[in-house]
Amino acid sequence: MKNNPLLSSISSLILPFTILFGFYIILNGDLSPGGGFHGGVMLSTSFLLVHFMKEEHSLHFYEIIKIEKYMFLLLILLSFFLLINYSVLKSEWQMNLILMAMNLIIGCKVTIGLCGIMLIFIEEGSL
């Protein structure tokens, strides 16, 4: 599939739209069905599509795993912040801001995690 210029150009053409739609799903997760997991799956699918179609590989396994660990730490810290400061956060916009931040972190973690899982399968299959 990597030698097909039509698939490569189409995957590069639809990449910005799928990324935009994935972030739209992530950021509207507090108001509608969807959220971090659904948007993260869409983002990882678009990144993996381009990764498979291009000759040069833009995703590197060890960097992805390191970033995923930082995202998990950030998610834990934000959860503790919300747990400690729950009584202080009385307004609705503050709670919506924290929910959007958590959806964004979860979406990035799901994106990175699924890309890492697929790269593990690819590396094991190429051995």
C-alpha atoms as a PDB file:
ATOM      1  CA  MET A   1       0.000   0.000   0.000  1.00  0.00           C
ATOM      2  CA  LYS A   2       2.921   2.348   0.554  1.00  0.00           C
ATOM      3  CA  ASN A   3       3.683   2.521  -3.172  1.00  0.00           C
ATOM      4  CA  ASN A   4       0.212   3.720  -4.119  1.00  0.00           C
ATOM      5  CA  PRO A   5       0.364   7.507  -4.679  1.00  0.00           C
ATOM      6  CA  LEU A   6      -3.420   7.856  -4.772  1.00  0.00           C
ATOM      7  CA  LEU A   7      -3.913   6.408  -1.280  1.00  0.00           C
ATOM      8  CA  SER A   8      -1.006   8.430   0.054  1.00  0.00           C
ATOM      9  CA  SER A   9      -2.327  11.717  -1.311  1.00  0.00           C
ATOM     10  CA  ILE A  10      -5.905  11.047  -0.165  1.00  0.00           C
ATOM     11  CA  SER A  11      -4.761  10.145   3.344  1.00  0.00           C
ATOM     12  CA  SER A  12      -2.702  13.346   3.492  1.00  0.00           C
ATOM     13  CA  LEU A  13      -5.675  15.316   2.194  1.00  0.00           C
ATOM     14  CA  ILE A  14      -8.186  14.079   4.769  1.00  0.00           C
ATOM     15  CA  LEU A  15      -5.752  14.250   7.724  1.00  0.00           C
ATOM     16  CA  PRO A  16      -6.545  17.866   8.758  1.00  0.00           C
ATOM     17  CA  PHE A  17     -10.283  17.223   8.648  1.00  0.00           C
ATOM     18  CA  THR A  18     -10.089  14.073  10.761  1.00  0.00           C
ATOM     19  CA  ILE A  19      -7.842  15.824  13.291  1.00  0.00           C
ATOM     20  CA  LEU A  20     -10.239  18.771  13.489  1.00  0.00           C
ATOM     21  CA  PHE A  21     -13.242  16.473  13.916  1.00  0.00           C
ATOM     22  CA  GLY A  22     -11.398  14.423  16.564  1.00  0.00           C
ATOM     23  CA  PHE A  23     -10.646  17.537  18.609  1.00  0.00           C
ATOM     24  CA  TYR A  24     -14.255  18.687  18.142  1.00  0.00           C
ATOM     25  CA  ILE A  25     -15.482  15.410  19.651  1.00  0.00           C
ATOM     26  CA  ILE A  26     -12.993  15.721  22.524  1.00  0.00           C
ATOM     27  CA  LEU A  27     -13.816  19.327  23.401  1.00  0.00           C
ATOM     28  CA  ASN A  28     -17.603  18.846  23.196  1.00  0.00           C
ATOM     29  CA  GLY A  29     -17.560  15.725  25.353  1.00  0.00           C
ATOM     30  CA  ASP A  30     -18.938  17.548  28.379  1.00  0.00           C
ATOM     31  CA  LEU A  31     -21.988  18.726  26.411  1.00  0.00           C
ATOM     32  CA  SER A  32     -22.729  15.791  24.105  1.00  0.00           C
ATOM     33  CA  PRO A  33     -22.016  12.079  23.803  1.00  0.00           C
ATOM     34  CA  GLY A  34     -18.417  11.396  23.011  1.00  0.00           C
ATOM     35  CA  GLY A  35     -15.463  12.837  24.769  1.00  0.00           C
ATOM     36  CA  GLY A  36     -11.900  11.824  25.317  1.00  0.00           C
ATOM     37  CA  PHE A  37     -12.070   8.196  24.312  1.00  0.00           C
ATOM     38  CA  HIS A  38     -14.086   8.647  21.125  1.00  0.00           C
ATOM     39  CA  GLY A  39     -12.055  11.616  19.932  1.00  0.00           C
ATOM     40  CA  GLY A  40      -8.812   9.849  20.850  1.00  0.00           C
ATOM     41  CA  VAL A  41      -9.753   6.840  18.747  1.00  0.00           C
ATOM     42  CA  MET A  42     -10.513   9.114  15.796  1.00  0.00           C
ATOM     43  CA  LEU A  43      -7.185  10.950  16.181  1.00  0.00           C
ATOM     44  CA  SER A  44      -5.170   7.738  16.479  1.00  0.00           C
ATOM     45  CA  THR A  45      -6.891   6.311  13.412  1.00  0.00           C
ATOM     46  CA  SER A  46      -5.979   9.357  11.362  1.00  0.00           C
ATOM     47  CA  PHE A  47      -2.359   9.331  12.569  1.00  0.00           C
ATOM     48  CA  LEU A  48      -2.001   5.618  11.891  1.00  0.00           C
ATOM     49  CA  LEU A  49      -3.503   5.997   8.426  1.00  0.00           C
ATOM     50  CA  VAL A  50      -0.868   8.539   7.486  1.00  0.00           C
ATOM     51  CA  HIS A  51       1.840   6.479   9.213  1.00  0.00           C
ATOM     52  CA  PHE A  52       1.002   3.440   7.092  1.00  0.00           C
ATOM     53  CA  MET A  53       0.787   5.381   3.828  1.00  0.00           C
ATOM     54  CA  LYS A  54       4.045   7.342   4.084  1.00  0.00           C
ATOM     55  CA  GLU A  55       7.502   5.960   3.419  1.00  0.00           C
ATOM     56  CA  GLU A  56       9.083   7.856   6.310  1.00  0.00           C
ATOM     57  CA  HIS A  57       7.734   6.918   9.722  1.00  0.00           C
ATOM     58  CA  SER A  58       6.559   9.818  11.837  1.00  0.00           C
ATOM     59  CA  LEU A  59       5.714   7.764  14.934  1.00  0.00           C
ATOM     60  CA  HIS A  60       8.459   6.356  17.158  1.00  0.00           C
ATOM     61  CA  PHE A  61       7.570   3.788  19.790  1.00  0.00           C
ATOM     62  CA  TYR A  62       9.782   4.869  22.723  1.00  0.00           C
ATOM     63  CA  GLU A  63       8.838   8.535  22.427  1.00  0.00           C
ATOM     64  CA  ILE A  64       5.153   7.614  22.330  1.00  0.00           C
ATOM     65  CA  ILE A  65       5.397   5.516  25.501  1.00  0.00           C
ATOM     66  CA  LYS A  66       7.255   8.291  27.347  1.00  0.00           C
ATOM     67  CA  ILE A  67       4.625  10.887  26.370  1.00  0.00           C
ATOM     68  CA  GLU A  68       1.838   8.521  27.419  1.00  0.00           C
ATOM     69  CA  LYS A  69       3.347   8.221  30.896  1.00  0.00           C
ATOM     70  CA  TYR A  70       3.451  12.008  31.231  1.00  0.00           C
ATOM     71  CA  MET A  71      -0.178  12.251  30.128  1.00  0.00           C
ATOM     72  CA  PHE A  72      -1.192   9.699  32.771  1.00  0.00           C
ATOM     73  CA  LEU A  73       0.658  11.693  35.450  1.00  0.00           C
ATOM     74  CA  LEU A  74      -1.062  14.887  34.289  1.00  0.00           C
ATOM     75  CA  LEU A  75      -4.458  13.167  34.447  1.00  0.00           C
ATOM     76  CA  ILE A  76      -3.795  11.979  38.018  1.00  0.00           C
ATOM     77  CA  LEU A  77      -2.643  15.451  39.097  1.00  0.00           C
ATOM     78  CA  LEU A  78      -5.700  17.128  37.585  1.00  0.00           C
ATOM     79  CA  SER A  79      -7.968  14.592  39.285  1.00  0.00           C
ATOM     80  CA  PHE A  80      -6.354  15.293  42.658  1.00  0.00           C
ATOM     81  CA  PHE A  81      -6.692  19.038  42.030  1.00  0.00           C
ATOM     82  CA  LEU A  82     -10.378  18.586  41.336  1.00  0.00           C
ATOM     83  CA  LEU A  83     -10.830  16.371  44.399  1.00  0.00           C
ATOM     84  CA  ILE A  84      -9.102  18.848  46.721  1.00  0.00           C
ATOM     85  CA  ASN A  85     -10.664  22.024  45.296  1.00  0.00           C
ATOM     86  CA  TYR A  86     -14.171  20.719  44.634  1.00  0.00           C
ATOM     87  CA  SER A  87     -15.770  22.914  47.294  1.00  0.00           C
ATOM     88  CA  VAL A  88     -14.060  26.029  45.879  1.00  0.00           C
ATOM     89  CA  LEU A  89     -15.298  25.432  42.316  1.00  0.00           C
ATOM     90  CA  LYS A  90     -18.865  26.653  42.537  1.00  0.00           C
ATOM     91  CA  SER A  91     -19.400  28.249  39.133  1.00  0.00           C
ATOM     92  CA  GLU A  92     -20.479  26.269  36.115  1.00  0.00           C
ATOM     93  CA  TRP A  93     -17.799  27.629  33.761  1.00  0.00           C
ATOM     94  CA  GLN A  94     -15.032  26.462  36.099  1.00  0.00           C
ATOM     95  CA  MET A  95     -16.420  22.951  36.156  1.00  0.00           C
ATOM     96  CA  ASN A  96     -16.857  22.958  32.362  1.00  0.00           C
ATOM     97  CA  LEU A  97     -13.268  24.135  31.948  1.00  0.00           C
ATOM     98  CA  ILE A  98     -11.969  21.317  34.126  1.00  0.00           C
ATOM     99  CA  LEU A  99     -14.139  18.763  32.291  1.00  0.00           C
ATOM    100  CA  MET A 100     -12.813  19.987  28.940  1.00  0.00           C
ATOM    101  CA  ALA A 101      -9.239  19.782  30.248  1.00  0.00           C
ATOM    102  CA  MET A 102      -9.794  16.233  31.475  1.00  0.00           C
ATOM    103  CA  ASN A 103     -11.413  15.236  28.158  1.00  0.00           C
ATOM    104  CA  LEU A 104      -8.440  16.719  26.307  1.00  0.00           C
ATOM    105  CA  ILE A 105      -5.931  14.832  28.450  1.00  0.00           C
ATOM    106  CA  ILE A 106      -7.892  11.573  28.117  1.00  0.00           C
ATOM    107  CA  GLY A 107      -8.176  12.071  24.353  1.00  0.00           C
ATOM    108  CA  CYS A 108      -4.437  12.636  23.994  1.00  0.00           C
ATOM    109  CA  LYS A 109      -3.681   9.634  26.202  1.00  0.00           C
ATOM    110  CA  VAL A 110      -6.021   7.374  24.199  1.00  0.00           C
ATOM    111  CA  THR A 111      -4.490   8.626  20.942  1.00  0.00           C
ATOM    112  CA  ILE A 112      -0.956   7.966  22.112  1.00  0.00           C
ATOM    113  CA  GLY A 113      -1.881   4.631  23.707  1.00  0.00           C
ATOM    114  CA  LEU A 114      -3.603   3.220  20.633  1.00  0.00           C
ATOM    115  CA  CYS A 115      -0.766   4.376  18.369  1.00  0.00           C
ATOM    116  CA  GLY A 116       1.691   2.691  20.732  1.00  0.00           C
ATOM    117  CA  ILE A 117      -0.297  -0.557  20.756  1.00  0.00           C
ATOM    118  CA  MET A 118      -0.443  -0.640  16.962  1.00  0.00           C
ATOM    119  CA  LEU A 119       3.295   0.041  16.708  1.00  0.00           C
ATOM    120  CA  ILE A 120       3.963  -2.867  19.089  1.00  0.00           C
ATOM    121  CA  PHE A 121       1.924  -5.161  16.829  1.00  0.00           C
ATOM    122  CA  ILE A 122       3.754  -3.889  13.757  1.00  0.00           C
ATOM    123  CA  GLU A 123       7.199  -4.398  15.325  1.00  0.00           C
ATOM    124  CA  GLU A 124       6.344  -7.914  16.474  1.00  0.00           C
ATOM    125  CA  GLY A 125       4.959  -8.789  13.036  1.00  0.00           C
ATOM    126  CA  SER A 126       8.076  -7.581  11.257  1.00  0.00           C
ATOM    127  CA  LEU A 127      10.446  -9.766  13.300  1.00  0.00           C
END
